[in-house]
Amino acid sequence: MVPSTNSYSNTKEFIDCIAPLVAKYAPGYNVKAYSAIIAQAILESASGASSLAKKYNNFFGLKCGTLWTGKSVNLLTGEEYTPGTYTTIAADFRVFDNMDEGVKGYFEFLFKNRTRYNNLIGETDPYRYLQKIKDDGYATSSKYVENTYNVIKSYNLFRFDP
């Protein structure tokens, strides 16, 4: 296990920590929908409170896949391959040393040595970004776009978009 000091008293505090890191790495990949990425982290990590985030600095639910050569942890996760039908599976997730590496890892997961998510490059509309990433296979939840976009609206994350 990677030692972590991640502890956020509320979602606002989590946003204050993760937003500058998204702004640090997104320009290097010409990604412009910061609000969508911050909302993904809020949703995927329960504002940094999930065990995957707290213990392993994985704020985006990033699975290992075939290209990952770093540390990993096997955990149970819920998937919705058929709308309305939820399945629990064991999956290998990426482990990062700290929050900075975890956010950097999100962008590397999407864009390093792969073209699957290239349609996200330059996308300025957060809703379209979320729809594209869902269509590309990033998430299995049939409500992923709706739920994530609602997080953007609830916390006015549009203010972080360049």
C-alpha atoms as a PDB file:
ATOM      1  CA  MET A   1       0.000   0.000   0.000  1.00  0.00           C
ATOM      2  CA  VAL A   2       1.118   3.536  -0.764  1.00  0.00           C
ATOM      3  CA  PRO A   3       1.012   5.787   2.311  1.00  0.00           C
ATOM      4  CA  SER A   4      -1.434   8.614   1.790  1.00  0.00           C
ATOM      5  CA  THR A   5      -2.505  11.642   3.744  1.00  0.00           C
ATOM      6  CA  ASN A   6      -5.594  12.330   1.643  1.00  0.00           C
ATOM      7  CA  SER A   7      -8.296  13.614   3.929  1.00  0.00           C
ATOM      8  CA  TYR A   8     -10.900  16.101   2.788  1.00  0.00           C
ATOM      9  CA  SER A   9     -13.545  17.427   5.154  1.00  0.00           C
ATOM     10  CA  ASN A  10     -15.946  18.196   2.303  1.00  0.00           C
ATOM     11  CA  THR A  11     -16.312  18.386  -1.461  1.00  0.00           C
ATOM     12  CA  LYS A  12     -15.280  22.047  -1.592  1.00  0.00           C
ATOM     13  CA  GLU A  13     -11.973  21.201   0.067  1.00  0.00           C
ATOM     14  CA  PHE A  14     -11.470  18.329  -2.385  1.00  0.00           C
ATOM     15  CA  ILE A  15     -12.173  20.657  -5.319  1.00  0.00           C
ATOM     16  CA  ASP A  16      -9.669  23.179  -3.941  1.00  0.00           C
ATOM     17  CA  CYS A  17      -7.001  20.447  -3.968  1.00  0.00           C
ATOM     18  CA  ILE A  18      -7.708  18.755  -7.296  1.00  0.00           C
ATOM     19  CA  ALA A  19      -8.633  21.728  -9.528  1.00  0.00           C
ATOM     20  CA  PRO A  20      -5.100  23.220  -9.617  1.00  0.00           C
ATOM     21  CA  LEU A  21      -3.684  19.819 -10.576  1.00  0.00           C
ATOM     22  CA  VAL A  22      -6.158  19.441 -13.433  1.00  0.00           C
ATOM     23  CA  ALA A  23      -5.149  22.941 -14.582  1.00  0.00           C
ATOM     24  CA  LYS A  24      -1.480  21.915 -14.305  1.00  0.00           C
ATOM     25  CA  TYR A  25      -1.707  18.847 -16.570  1.00  0.00           C
ATOM     26  CA  ALA A  26      -4.643  19.498 -18.950  1.00  0.00           C
ATOM     27  CA  PRO A  27      -2.891  22.089 -21.160  1.00  0.00           C
ATOM     28  CA  GLY A  28      -0.128  19.614 -21.995  1.00  0.00           C
ATOM     29  CA  TYR A  29      -2.744  17.410 -23.652  1.00  0.00           C
ATOM     30  CA  ASN A  30      -4.842  20.264 -25.133  1.00  0.00           C
ATOM     31  CA  VAL A  31      -7.731  19.280 -22.880  1.00  0.00           C
ATOM     32  CA  LYS A  32     -10.059  22.180 -22.128  1.00  0.00           C
ATOM     33  CA  ALA A  33     -13.062  20.756 -20.231  1.00  0.00           C
ATOM     34  CA  TYR A  34     -11.551  21.078 -16.748  1.00  0.00           C
ATOM     35  CA  SER A  35     -14.992  21.109 -15.142  1.00  0.00           C
ATOM     36  CA  ALA A  36     -15.802  17.672 -16.544  1.00  0.00           C
ATOM     37  CA  ILE A  37     -12.548  16.197 -15.235  1.00  0.00           C
ATOM     38  CA  ILE A  38     -12.976  17.698 -11.767  1.00  0.00           C
ATOM     39  CA  ALA A  39     -16.542  16.330 -11.699  1.00  0.00           C
ATOM     40  CA  GLN A  40     -15.286  12.901 -12.751  1.00  0.00           C
ATOM     41  CA  ALA A  41     -12.879  12.919  -9.813  1.00  0.00           C
ATOM     42  CA  ILE A  42     -15.642  13.976  -7.403  1.00  0.00           C
ATOM     43  CA  LEU A  43     -17.963  11.251  -8.650  1.00  0.00           C
ATOM     44  CA  GLU A  44     -15.400   8.460  -9.073  1.00  0.00           C
ATOM     45  CA  SER A  45     -13.700   9.047  -5.709  1.00  0.00           C
ATOM     46  CA  ALA A  46     -16.628  10.247  -3.572  1.00  0.00           C
ATOM     47  CA  SER A  47     -14.785  13.574  -3.208  1.00  0.00           C
ATOM     48  CA  GLY A  48     -11.582  11.775  -2.282  1.00  0.00           C
ATOM     49  CA  ALA A  49     -13.240   9.606   0.394  1.00  0.00           C
ATOM     50  CA  SER A  50     -13.233   6.242  -1.413  1.00  0.00           C
ATOM     51  CA  SER A  51     -10.608   3.710  -0.367  1.00  0.00           C
ATOM     52  CA  LEU A  52      -9.205   3.744  -3.907  1.00  0.00           C
ATOM     53  CA  ALA A  53      -8.596   7.490  -3.581  1.00  0.00           C
ATOM     54  CA  LYS A  54      -7.546   7.631   0.084  1.00  0.00           C
ATOM     55  CA  LYS A  55      -5.194   4.659   0.090  1.00  0.00           C
ATOM     56  CA  TYR A  56      -4.050   4.472  -3.515  1.00  0.00           C
ATOM     57  CA  ASN A  57      -4.343   8.040  -4.891  1.00  0.00           C
ATOM     58  CA  ASN A  58      -6.548   6.857  -7.751  1.00  0.00           C
ATOM     59  CA  PHE A  59      -9.235   9.548  -8.008  1.00  0.00           C
ATOM     60  CA  PHE A  60     -10.657   8.498 -11.370  1.00  0.00           C
ATOM     61  CA  GLY A  61     -11.271   4.767 -10.973  1.00  0.00           C
ATOM     62  CA  LEU A  62      -8.478   3.989 -13.433  1.00  0.00           C
ATOM     63  CA  LYS A  63      -8.098   0.289 -14.122  1.00  0.00           C
ATOM     64  CA  CYS A  64      -4.723  -1.112 -15.112  1.00  0.00           C
ATOM     65  CA  GLY A  65      -5.445  -2.227 -18.654  1.00  0.00           C
ATOM     66  CA  THR A  66      -2.734  -3.814 -20.761  1.00  0.00           C
ATOM     67  CA  LEU A  67      -0.326  -0.855 -20.908  1.00  0.00           C
ATOM     68  CA  TRP A  68       0.119  -0.279 -17.160  1.00  0.00           C
ATOM     69  CA  THR A  69       3.417  -1.482 -15.670  1.00  0.00           C
ATOM     70  CA  GLY A  70       3.183   0.324 -12.323  1.00  0.00           C
ATOM     71  CA  LYS A  71       1.776  -0.721  -8.963  1.00  0.00           C
ATOM     72  CA  SER A  72      -1.752  -2.073  -8.761  1.00  0.00           C
ATOM     73  CA  VAL A  73      -4.390  -3.229  -6.303  1.00  0.00           C
ATOM     74  CA  ASN A  74      -7.219  -5.700  -6.863  1.00  0.00           C
ATOM     75  CA  LEU A  75     -10.586  -4.431  -5.602  1.00  0.00           C
ATOM     76  CA  LEU A  76     -14.262  -5.145  -6.102  1.00  0.00           C
ATOM     77  CA  THR A  77     -16.130  -2.661  -8.273  1.00  0.00           C
ATOM     78  CA  GLY A  78     -19.622  -2.285  -9.656  1.00  0.00           C
ATOM     79  CA  GLU A  79     -20.207  -2.286 -13.393  1.00  0.00           C
ATOM     80  CA  GLU A  80     -23.357  -1.749 -15.458  1.00  0.00           C
ATOM     81  CA  TYR A  81     -22.805  -3.519 -18.772  1.00  0.00           C
ATOM     82  CA  THR A  82     -26.564  -3.682 -19.442  1.00  0.00           C
ATOM     83  CA  PRO A  83     -28.662  -0.653 -18.424  1.00  0.00           C
ATOM     84  CA  GLY A  84     -30.244  -1.303 -15.032  1.00  0.00           C
ATOM     85  CA  THR A  85     -28.265  -4.487 -14.355  1.00  0.00           C
ATOM     86  CA  TYR A  86     -25.371  -4.088 -11.927  1.00  0.00           C
ATOM     87  CA  THR A  87     -22.552  -6.594 -11.601  1.00  0.00           C
ATOM     88  CA  THR A  88     -19.761  -6.732  -9.049  1.00  0.00           C
ATOM     89  CA  ILE A  89     -16.372  -7.751 -10.411  1.00  0.00           C
ATOM     90  CA  ALA A  90     -12.814  -7.867  -9.125  1.00  0.00           C
ATOM     91  CA  ALA A  91     -10.543  -5.559 -11.108  1.00  0.00           C
ATOM     92  CA  ASP A  92      -6.954  -4.361 -10.987  1.00  0.00           C
ATOM     93  CA  PHE A  93      -6.687  -0.616 -10.411  1.00  0.00           C
ATOM     94  CA  ARG A  94      -3.708   1.676 -10.862  1.00  0.00           C
ATOM     95  CA  VAL A  95      -1.891   2.845  -7.724  1.00  0.00           C
ATOM     96  CA  PHE A  96      -0.234   6.271  -7.537  1.00  0.00           C
ATOM     97  CA  ASP A  97       2.170   7.721  -4.979  1.00  0.00           C
ATOM     98  CA  ASN A  98       0.266  10.976  -4.379  1.00  0.00           C
ATOM     99  CA  MET A  99      -2.581  13.132  -5.666  1.00  0.00           C
ATOM    100  CA  ASP A 100      -0.374  14.919  -8.188  1.00  0.00           C
ATOM    101  CA  GLU A 101       0.675  11.596  -9.725  1.00  0.00           C
ATOM    102  CA  GLY A 102      -2.941  10.408  -9.668  1.00  0.00           C
ATOM    103  CA  VAL A 103      -4.145  13.400 -11.678  1.00  0.00           C
ATOM    104  CA  LYS A 104      -1.197  13.160 -14.056  1.00  0.00           C
ATOM    105  CA  GLY A 105      -2.056   9.464 -14.390  1.00  0.00           C
ATOM    106  CA  TYR A 106      -5.552  10.341 -15.613  1.00  0.00           C
ATOM    107  CA  PHE A 107      -4.143  12.228 -18.589  1.00  0.00           C
ATOM    108  CA  GLU A 108      -1.529   9.560 -19.289  1.00  0.00           C
ATOM    109  CA  PHE A 109      -4.254   6.900 -19.153  1.00  0.00           C
ATOM    110  CA  LEU A 110      -6.258   8.771 -21.767  1.00  0.00           C
ATOM    111  CA  PHE A 111      -3.547   9.924 -24.128  1.00  0.00           C
ATOM    112  CA  LYS A 112      -0.203   8.155 -23.680  1.00  0.00           C
ATOM    113  CA  ASN A 113       0.422   5.474 -26.307  1.00  0.00           C
ATOM    114  CA  ARG A 114      -3.222   5.286 -27.365  1.00  0.00           C
ATOM    115  CA  THR A 115      -5.705   6.972 -29.681  1.00  0.00           C
ATOM    116  CA  ARG A 116      -8.993   5.739 -28.175  1.00  0.00           C
ATOM    117  CA  TYR A 117      -9.699   9.075 -26.455  1.00  0.00           C
ATOM    118  CA  ASN A 118      -8.214  11.482 -29.019  1.00  0.00           C
ATOM    119  CA  ASN A 119     -11.690  12.879 -29.734  1.00  0.00           C
ATOM    120  CA  LEU A 120     -11.473  14.612 -26.325  1.00  0.00           C
ATOM    121  CA  ILE A 121      -8.545  16.776 -27.402  1.00  0.00           C
ATOM    122  CA  GLY A 122      -9.644  20.377 -27.802  1.00  0.00           C
ATOM    123  CA  GLU A 123     -13.227  19.712 -26.670  1.00  0.00           C
ATOM    124  CA  THR A 124     -14.443  22.818 -24.838  1.00  0.00           C
ATOM    125  CA  ASP A 125     -17.991  21.768 -23.951  1.00  0.00           C
ATOM    126  CA  PRO A 126     -18.073  19.757 -20.692  1.00  0.00           C
ATOM    127  CA  TYR A 127     -21.261  17.886 -21.608  1.00  0.00           C
ATOM    128  CA  ARG A 128     -19.854  16.808 -24.983  1.00  0.00           C
ATOM    129  CA  TYR A 129     -16.581  15.826 -23.272  1.00  0.00           C
ATOM    130  CA  LEU A 130     -18.506  13.560 -20.899  1.00  0.00           C
ATOM    131  CA  GLN A 131     -20.625  12.086 -23.692  1.00  0.00           C
ATOM    132  CA  LYS A 132     -17.532  11.348 -25.774  1.00  0.00           C
ATOM    133  CA  ILE A 133     -15.581   9.756 -22.917  1.00  0.00           C
ATOM    134  CA  LYS A 134     -18.605   7.585 -22.061  1.00  0.00           C
ATOM    135  CA  ASP A 135     -19.035   6.579 -25.715  1.00  0.00           C
ATOM    136  CA  ASP A 136     -15.315   5.748 -25.833  1.00  0.00           C
ATOM    137  CA  GLY A 137     -15.835   3.162 -23.072  1.00  0.00           C
ATOM    138  CA  TYR A 138     -14.448   5.013 -20.037  1.00  0.00           C
ATOM    139  CA  ALA A 139     -17.479   4.246 -17.838  1.00  0.00           C
ATOM    140  CA  THR A 140     -20.198   1.597 -17.847  1.00  0.00           C
ATOM    141  CA  SER A 141     -22.952   3.438 -15.950  1.00  0.00           C
ATOM    142  CA  SER A 142     -25.919   4.326 -18.142  1.00  0.00           C
ATOM    143  CA  LYS A 143     -26.294   7.520 -16.051  1.00  0.00           C
ATOM    144  CA  TYR A 144     -22.605   8.509 -16.125  1.00  0.00           C
ATOM    145  CA  VAL A 145     -22.983  11.595 -18.305  1.00  0.00           C
ATOM    146  CA  GLU A 146     -26.106  12.817 -16.499  1.00  0.00           C
ATOM    147  CA  ASN A 147     -24.697  12.214 -13.011  1.00  0.00           C
ATOM    148  CA  THR A 148     -21.323  13.765 -13.772  1.00  0.00           C
ATOM    149  CA  TYR A 149     -22.846  16.795 -15.474  1.00  0.00           C
ATOM    150  CA  ASN A 150     -25.094  17.314 -12.453  1.00  0.00           C
ATOM    151  CA  VAL A 151     -21.951  17.470 -10.293  1.00  0.00           C
ATOM    152  CA  ILE A 152     -20.578  20.200 -12.584  1.00  0.00           C
ATOM    153  CA  LYS A 153     -23.768  22.219 -12.156  1.00  0.00           C
ATOM    154  CA  SER A 154     -24.092  21.587  -8.407  1.00  0.00           C
ATOM    155  CA  TYR A 155     -20.605  22.905  -7.637  1.00  0.00           C
ATOM    156  CA  ASN A 156     -20.429  25.465 -10.471  1.00  0.00           C
ATOM    157  CA  LEU A 157     -17.323  23.784 -11.838  1.00  0.00           C
ATOM    158  CA  PHE A 158     -17.677  25.748 -15.090  1.00  0.00           C
ATOM    159  CA  ARG A 159     -15.619  28.447 -13.345  1.00  0.00           C
ATOM    160  CA  PHE A 160     -12.516  26.279 -13.791  1.00  0.00           C
ATOM    161  CA  ASP A 161     -12.819  25.954 -17.572  1.00  0.00           C
ATOM    162  CA  PRO A 162     -10.213  28.040 -19.420  1.00  0.00           C
END
